[in-house]
Amino acid sequence: HKPTTVQEFILLGLESGQEKSRSIQLLLFVLVMLCYGAILFGNLLIVLTVHIDPHLKKLPMYFFLSNLAIIDASVGSVVVPKVATDLVTWGRTISFGCCMSQLFFLHFFGGTEMLLLTLMAYDRYVAICHPLTYTTIMNQPRCIRLLCFCWVGGLFHSSSQLFLVLQLPFCGPNGVDNFFCDVPQVVKLACVDTHVTEIFMVANSGLLSLVCFAILLISYGIILSTLQGRFKESGGKALYTCSSHLTVVSLFFLPCLFVYLVPIFSASLDKVSSVFYTTITPFLNPMIYSLRNQEMKEAMGRVRKKLTFSHQSQKEARIC
């Protein structure tokens, strides 16, 4: 193998400054930063609500949801700040080390989110199909162990992806055809034949996405069949919750399947899909889970009243 001589990569997802006016670059920067601010605010609001409200804190579904919000905020933080910086400075380069770090953390949080969404589907399956034994099966120690499994699984997934990439020599072209560093685009720049590496990549990321997505569809299929005929009773609320989960699952998994399982799609479609699971999904998840969830909206109202009362009490104490 030729030694790696590439010290930095050029991100080709953004057009160069000469192809865009300064005003357009600044407008895109403002939009990206607004989106990033919404990602952080929305997801951290969910985490705050779940941990302050004593009712939600005891429920496994919201325990998992708060962790999903942490992951979404982390995924957005891996990609969006670099994109915003490139827009305002007209820079498109990223060092080799930063590129590998971006690749690692993107797959770490992404793999963890896939496993966590699958776990959330299992939680809904137990709650709806086995309600009498739900509290026994999904007790707090078991929920913590299952959550740890998701994080460890994500770490194993990202470590194996990084290991595959680091085995390749990079000595020639350094243009990454995306907004950020990801395995499919970086592997194409290697100086050797990468067919074996690409097969491992599909077997790792592609099959992980496909298997988790298949398990999710099976779980929700069983849930829907269980709820059939009970929509006018208690099934309505459960169906509403499951529809929110399915929306999130579709927004996250389908773009991942396009990028990692079917590498025959065009680079432009890869870019659009990448934007979905790195930016759009973390942006929409808080709205889907809060605006479509009456229990979450009520909890947010209680938290707001509690914080307002606490602030007024402190103010009165200072006056006295």
Protein backbone atom coordinates (compact mmCIF):
# COMPACT_ATOMS: atom_id res chain seq x y z
CA HIS A 1 0.00 0.00 0.00
CA LYS A 2 1.12 3.56 -0.70
CA PRO A 3 1.52 5.64 2.46
CA THR A 4 -1.08 8.24 3.32
CA THR A 5 0.16 11.65 2.18
CA VAL A 6 -3.11 13.59 2.23
CA GLN A 7 -3.11 16.07 5.10
CA GLU A 8 -6.52 17.61 4.46
CA PHE A 9 -9.68 17.07 2.47
CA ILE A 10 -11.78 19.53 0.48
CA LEU A 11 -15.54 19.36 1.09
CA LEU A 12 -17.15 19.68 -2.33
CA GLY A 13 -20.73 19.70 -1.05
CA LEU A 14 -20.65 23.48 -0.82
CA GLU A 15 -19.94 25.54 -3.90
CA SER A 16 -16.89 27.73 -3.75
CA GLY A 17 -17.16 31.40 -2.82
CA GLN A 18 -16.57 32.44 -6.42
CA GLU A 19 -19.74 30.64 -7.51
CA LYS A 20 -21.93 32.34 -4.92
CA SER A 21 -22.27 35.93 -3.88
CA ARG A 22 -21.33 37.01 -0.38
CA SER A 23 -24.95 37.85 0.44
CA ILE A 24 -26.14 34.35 -0.48
CA GLN A 25 -23.37 32.79 1.62
CA LEU A 26 -24.38 34.91 4.62
CA LEU A 27 -28.06 34.10 4.12
CA LEU A 28 -27.28 30.38 4.09
CA PHE A 29 -25.14 30.85 7.20
CA VAL A 30 -28.03 32.51 9.05
CA LEU A 31 -30.45 29.75 7.99
CA VAL A 32 -28.04 27.02 9.05
CA MET A 33 -27.41 28.65 12.43
CA LEU A 34 -31.15 29.12 13.01
CA CYS A 35 -31.65 25.46 12.24
CA TYR A 36 -28.82 24.50 14.58
CA GLY A 37 -30.23 26.72 17.32
CA ALA A 38 -33.62 25.03 16.89
CA ILE A 39 -31.96 21.59 17.07
CA LEU A 40 -30.25 22.43 20.36
CA PHE A 41 -33.20 24.26 21.91
CA GLY A 42 -35.84 21.69 20.94
CA ASN A 43 -33.88 18.63 22.02
CA LEU A 44 -32.55 20.14 25.23
CA LEU A 45 -36.11 21.25 26.09
CA ILE A 46 -37.22 17.63 25.84
CA VAL A 47 -34.34 16.49 28.07
CA LEU A 48 -35.13 19.22 30.61
CA THR A 49 -38.86 18.44 30.63
CA VAL A 50 -38.38 14.71 31.12
CA HIS A 51 -35.85 15.12 33.95
CA ILE A 52 -37.82 17.81 35.81
CA ASP A 53 -41.31 16.29 35.51
CA PRO A 54 -41.56 13.44 38.06
CA HIS A 55 -44.31 11.65 36.09
CA LEU A 56 -42.40 11.43 32.81
CA LYS A 57 -39.15 10.57 34.54
CA LYS A 58 -40.62 7.25 35.73
CA LEU A 59 -41.85 6.14 32.28
CA PRO A 60 -39.43 4.10 30.12
CA MET A 61 -40.72 5.67 26.89
CA TYR A 62 -39.72 9.18 28.01
CA PHE A 63 -36.47 7.93 29.52
CA PHE A 64 -35.55 6.65 26.06
CA LEU A 65 -36.93 9.81 24.43
CA SER A 66 -34.65 12.05 26.49
CA ASN A 67 -31.66 9.98 25.36
CA LEU A 68 -32.84 10.22 21.77
CA ALA A 69 -32.92 14.01 22.15
CA ILE A 70 -29.33 13.98 23.46
CA ILE A 71 -28.25 11.93 20.44
CA ASP A 72 -30.07 14.21 17.99
CA ALA A 73 -28.39 17.27 19.46
CA SER A 74 -25.05 15.48 19.21
CA VAL A 75 -25.57 14.41 15.58
CA GLY A 76 -26.39 17.99 14.63
CA SER A 77 -23.31 19.23 16.49
CA VAL A 78 -21.01 16.88 14.55
CA VAL A 79 -21.96 18.34 11.15
CA VAL A 80 -23.81 21.67 11.30
CA PRO A 81 -21.19 23.93 13.01
CA LYS A 82 -18.55 22.98 10.42
CA VAL A 83 -20.98 23.69 7.56
CA ALA A 84 -21.84 27.07 9.10
CA THR A 85 -18.17 27.93 9.54
CA ASP A 86 -17.41 27.07 5.91
CA LEU A 87 -20.26 29.28 4.76
CA VAL A 88 -19.12 32.36 6.63
CA THR A 89 -15.37 31.95 5.94
CA TRP A 90 -15.70 30.55 2.40
CA GLY A 91 -13.47 27.72 3.56
CA ARG A 92 -14.07 24.14 2.49
CA THR A 93 -11.07 22.28 3.86
CA ILE A 94 -10.92 19.88 6.80
CA SER A 95 -7.80 18.28 8.23
CA PHE A 96 -7.30 14.52 7.98
CA GLY A 97 -7.66 14.10 11.75
CA CYS A 98 -10.81 16.23 11.97
CA CYS A 99 -12.28 14.33 9.03
CA MET A 100 -11.69 10.99 10.77
CA SER A 101 -13.15 12.40 14.00
CA GLN A 102 -16.24 13.64 12.19
CA LEU A 103 -16.68 10.26 10.53
CA PHE A 104 -16.26 8.43 13.84
CA PHE A 105 -18.71 10.52 15.89
CA LEU A 106 -21.28 10.65 13.09
CA HIS A 107 -21.42 6.85 13.02
CA PHE A 108 -21.19 6.60 16.80
CA PHE A 109 -24.27 8.73 17.39
CA GLY A 110 -26.01 7.47 14.23
CA GLY A 111 -25.52 3.79 15.12
CA THR A 112 -26.65 4.44 18.69
CA GLU A 113 -29.78 6.20 17.40
CA MET A 114 -30.67 3.26 15.14
CA LEU A 115 -30.45 0.83 18.05
CA LEU A 116 -32.32 3.22 20.37
CA LEU A 117 -35.20 3.67 17.90
CA THR A 118 -35.41 -0.12 17.68
CA LEU A 119 -35.46 -0.31 21.47
CA MET A 120 -38.24 2.30 21.61
CA ALA A 121 -40.28 0.18 19.20
CA TYR A 122 -39.76 -2.84 21.48
CA ASP A 123 -40.86 -0.73 24.46
CA ARG A 124 -44.11 0.21 22.66
CA TYR A 125 -44.62 -3.44 21.67
CA VAL A 126 -44.36 -4.60 25.29
CA ALA A 127 -46.55 -1.74 26.56
CA ILE A 128 -49.36 -2.42 24.07
CA CYS A 129 -49.19 -6.19 23.54
CA HIS A 130 -48.23 -7.19 27.11
CA PRO A 131 -49.64 -4.41 29.32
CA LEU A 132 -50.01 -6.56 32.45
CA THR A 133 -46.33 -7.45 32.58
CA TYR A 134 -44.98 -4.18 31.14
CA THR A 135 -43.70 -2.71 34.42
CA THR A 136 -41.99 -6.02 35.25
CA ILE A 137 -40.33 -6.44 31.85
CA MET A 138 -39.32 -2.78 31.38
CA ASN A 139 -38.12 -2.10 34.91
CA GLN A 140 -35.54 0.63 35.47
CA PRO A 141 -32.42 -1.59 35.78
CA ARG A 142 -33.30 -3.42 32.57
CA CYS A 143 -33.99 -0.14 30.73
CA ILE A 144 -30.57 1.16 31.78
CA ARG A 145 -28.89 -2.06 30.60
CA LEU A 146 -30.70 -1.92 27.25
CA LEU A 147 -29.73 1.73 26.82
CA CYS A 148 -26.08 0.90 27.60
CA PHE A 149 -26.26 -1.82 24.95
CA CYS A 150 -27.35 0.81 22.42
CA TRP A 151 -24.41 3.09 23.26
CA VAL A 152 -21.90 0.23 23.24
CA GLY A 153 -23.34 -1.03 19.94
CA GLY A 154 -22.96 2.44 18.43
CA LEU A 155 -19.36 2.61 19.66
CA PHE A 156 -18.55 -0.79 18.16
CA HIS A 157 -20.17 0.20 14.87
CA SER A 158 -18.27 3.49 14.56
CA SER A 159 -14.96 1.95 15.66
CA SER A 160 -15.20 -0.74 12.99
CA GLN A 161 -16.02 1.87 10.33
CA LEU A 162 -13.07 4.03 11.36
CA PHE A 163 -10.78 0.99 11.39
CA LEU A 164 -11.75 0.14 7.79
CA VAL A 165 -11.04 3.68 6.61
CA LEU A 166 -7.71 4.00 8.43
CA GLN A 167 -6.43 0.85 6.72
CA LEU A 168 -6.63 2.65 3.37
CA PRO A 169 -3.85 4.85 1.94
CA PHE A 170 -4.77 8.34 0.72
CA CYS A 171 -2.19 9.80 -1.61
CA GLY A 172 -3.99 11.51 -4.46
CA PRO A 173 -7.39 13.20 -4.84
CA ASN A 174 -8.75 14.78 -1.68
CA GLY A 175 -12.16 16.14 -2.74
CA VAL A 176 -14.97 14.72 -0.57
CA ASP A 177 -18.19 15.01 -2.55
CA ASN A 178 -20.37 15.93 0.42
CA PHE A 179 -20.91 18.59 3.11
CA PHE A 180 -18.97 16.52 5.65
CA CYS A 181 -16.75 13.44 5.91
CA ASP A 182 -18.58 10.15 5.62
CA VAL A 183 -17.41 6.64 4.78
CA PRO A 184 -18.85 6.24 1.24
CA GLN A 185 -17.26 9.43 -0.08
CA VAL A 186 -13.93 9.12 1.78
CA VAL A 187 -13.38 5.49 0.74
CA LYS A 188 -13.61 6.47 -2.93
CA LEU A 189 -10.50 8.65 -2.51
CA ALA A 190 -8.20 5.77 -1.51
CA CYS A 191 -5.23 4.91 -3.73
CA VAL A 192 -6.08 1.20 -3.85
CA ASP A 193 -8.96 -0.97 -4.96
CA THR A 194 -11.73 -0.55 -2.38
CA HIS A 195 -14.27 -3.17 -3.44
CA VAL A 196 -13.64 -5.32 -0.36
CA THR A 197 -13.84 -2.28 1.93
CA GLU A 198 -17.09 -1.17 0.29
CA ILE A 199 -18.55 -4.66 0.83
CA PHE A 200 -17.64 -4.46 4.53
CA MET A 201 -19.11 -0.96 4.65
CA VAL A 202 -22.43 -2.17 3.22
CA ALA A 203 -22.37 -5.19 5.53
CA ASN A 204 -21.80 -2.89 8.51
CA SER A 205 -23.80 0.30 8.00
CA GLY A 206 -26.21 -0.96 5.35
CA LEU A 207 -27.23 -4.15 7.11
CA LEU A 208 -27.43 -2.41 10.48
CA SER A 209 -29.89 0.07 8.97
CA LEU A 210 -31.84 -2.66 7.16
CA VAL A 211 -32.07 -5.06 10.11
CA CYS A 212 -33.13 -2.33 12.57
CA PHE A 213 -35.67 -0.97 10.07
CA ALA A 214 -37.09 -4.46 9.46
CA ILE A 215 -37.43 -5.09 13.21
CA LEU A 216 -39.16 -1.72 13.59
CA LEU A 217 -41.65 -2.47 10.83
CA ILE A 218 -42.40 -5.91 12.28
CA SER A 219 -42.88 -4.46 15.77
CA TYR A 220 -45.26 -1.74 14.61
CA GLY A 221 -47.06 -4.23 12.37
CA ILE A 222 -47.76 -6.42 15.43
CA ILE A 223 -48.81 -3.34 17.40
CA LEU A 224 -51.26 -2.23 14.71
CA SER A 225 -52.76 -5.71 14.48
CA THR A 226 -53.15 -5.74 18.27
CA LEU A 227 -54.83 -2.33 18.24
CA GLN A 228 -57.23 -3.29 15.45
CA GLY A 229 -60.77 -2.91 16.67
CA ARG A 230 -59.73 -0.95 19.75
CA PHE A 231 -59.18 2.48 18.17
CA LYS A 232 -62.31 3.91 19.82
CA GLU A 233 -61.11 2.71 23.22
CA SER A 234 -57.59 2.95 24.57
CA GLY A 235 -56.05 2.18 21.22
CA GLY A 236 -56.42 5.71 19.91
CA LYS A 237 -53.74 7.18 22.18
CA ALA A 238 -51.38 4.28 21.50
CA LEU A 239 -51.88 4.63 17.75
CA TYR A 240 -51.13 8.35 18.00
CA THR A 241 -47.87 7.65 19.86
CA CYS A 242 -46.85 4.95 17.38
CA SER A 243 -47.54 7.23 14.42
CA SER A 244 -45.06 9.75 15.88
CA HIS A 245 -42.45 7.01 16.23
CA LEU A 246 -43.04 5.79 12.67
CA THR A 247 -42.62 9.32 11.34
CA VAL A 248 -39.25 9.66 13.07
CA VAL A 249 -38.19 6.20 11.94
CA SER A 250 -39.02 6.94 8.31
CA LEU A 251 -37.21 10.30 8.34
CA PHE A 252 -34.08 8.72 9.80
CA PHE A 253 -33.84 5.23 8.31
CA LEU A 254 -34.89 5.73 4.69
CA PRO A 255 -32.10 8.26 3.90
CA CYS A 256 -29.58 5.98 5.65
CA LEU A 257 -30.69 3.05 3.50
CA PHE A 258 -30.18 5.15 0.36
CA VAL A 259 -26.66 6.20 1.38
CA TYR A 260 -25.25 3.00 2.91
CA LEU A 261 -27.18 0.07 1.45
CA VAL A 262 -27.62 1.21 -2.15
CA PRO A 263 -24.41 3.00 -3.21
CA ILE A 264 -25.54 3.12 -6.87
CA PHE A 265 -27.49 6.36 -6.36
CA SER A 266 -26.05 9.63 -7.61
CA ALA A 267 -23.87 11.84 -5.44
CA SER A 268 -26.51 14.58 -5.43
CA LEU A 269 -29.08 12.17 -3.97
CA ASP A 270 -26.52 11.11 -1.37
CA LYS A 271 -26.12 14.76 -0.35
CA VAL A 272 -29.87 15.27 0.03
CA SER A 273 -30.18 12.05 2.05
CA SER A 274 -27.23 13.10 4.24
CA VAL A 275 -28.87 16.44 5.02
CA PHE A 276 -31.99 14.58 6.16
CA TYR A 277 -30.41 12.33 8.78
CA THR A 278 -27.83 14.85 10.01
CA THR A 279 -29.92 18.04 10.11
CA ILE A 280 -33.60 17.70 9.16
CA THR A 281 -34.36 14.73 11.43
CA PRO A 282 -32.71 16.23 14.57
CA PHE A 283 -34.61 19.45 13.77
CA LEU A 284 -38.02 17.78 13.34
CA ASN A 285 -37.85 15.16 16.10
CA PRO A 286 -38.57 17.57 18.99
CA MET A 287 -41.59 19.01 17.15
CA ILE A 288 -42.91 15.56 16.27
CA TYR A 289 -42.58 14.26 19.83
CA SER A 290 -43.78 17.41 21.59
CA LEU A 291 -46.47 18.84 19.32
CA ARG A 292 -48.01 15.42 18.58
CA ASN A 293 -47.80 14.22 22.19
CA GLN A 294 -50.40 15.58 24.59
CA GLU A 295 -48.61 14.13 27.62
CA MET A 296 -45.40 15.92 26.66
CA LYS A 297 -47.21 19.22 26.06
CA GLU A 298 -48.88 19.01 29.48
CA ALA A 299 -45.54 18.21 31.11
CA MET A 300 -43.92 21.21 29.41
CA GLY A 301 -46.72 23.38 30.81
CA ARG A 302 -46.10 22.05 34.31
CA VAL A 303 -42.35 22.62 33.99
CA ARG A 304 -42.91 26.18 32.79
CA LYS A 305 -45.18 26.91 35.76
CA LYS A 306 -42.67 25.34 38.15
CA LEU A 307 -39.77 27.37 36.77
CA THR A 308 -41.87 30.56 36.75
CA PHE A 309 -42.94 30.00 40.36
CA SER A 310 -39.34 29.28 41.39
CA HIS A 311 -38.12 32.47 39.69
CA GLN A 312 -40.83 34.56 41.37
CA SER A 313 -40.02 33.05 44.76
CA GLN A 314 -36.33 33.88 44.38
CA LYS A 315 -37.21 37.41 43.30
CA GLU A 316 -39.48 37.93 46.32
CA ALA A 317 -36.78 36.51 48.61
CA ARG A 318 -34.23 39.00 47.29
CA ILE A 319 -36.70 41.87 47.82
CA CYS A 320 -37.35 40.81 51.42
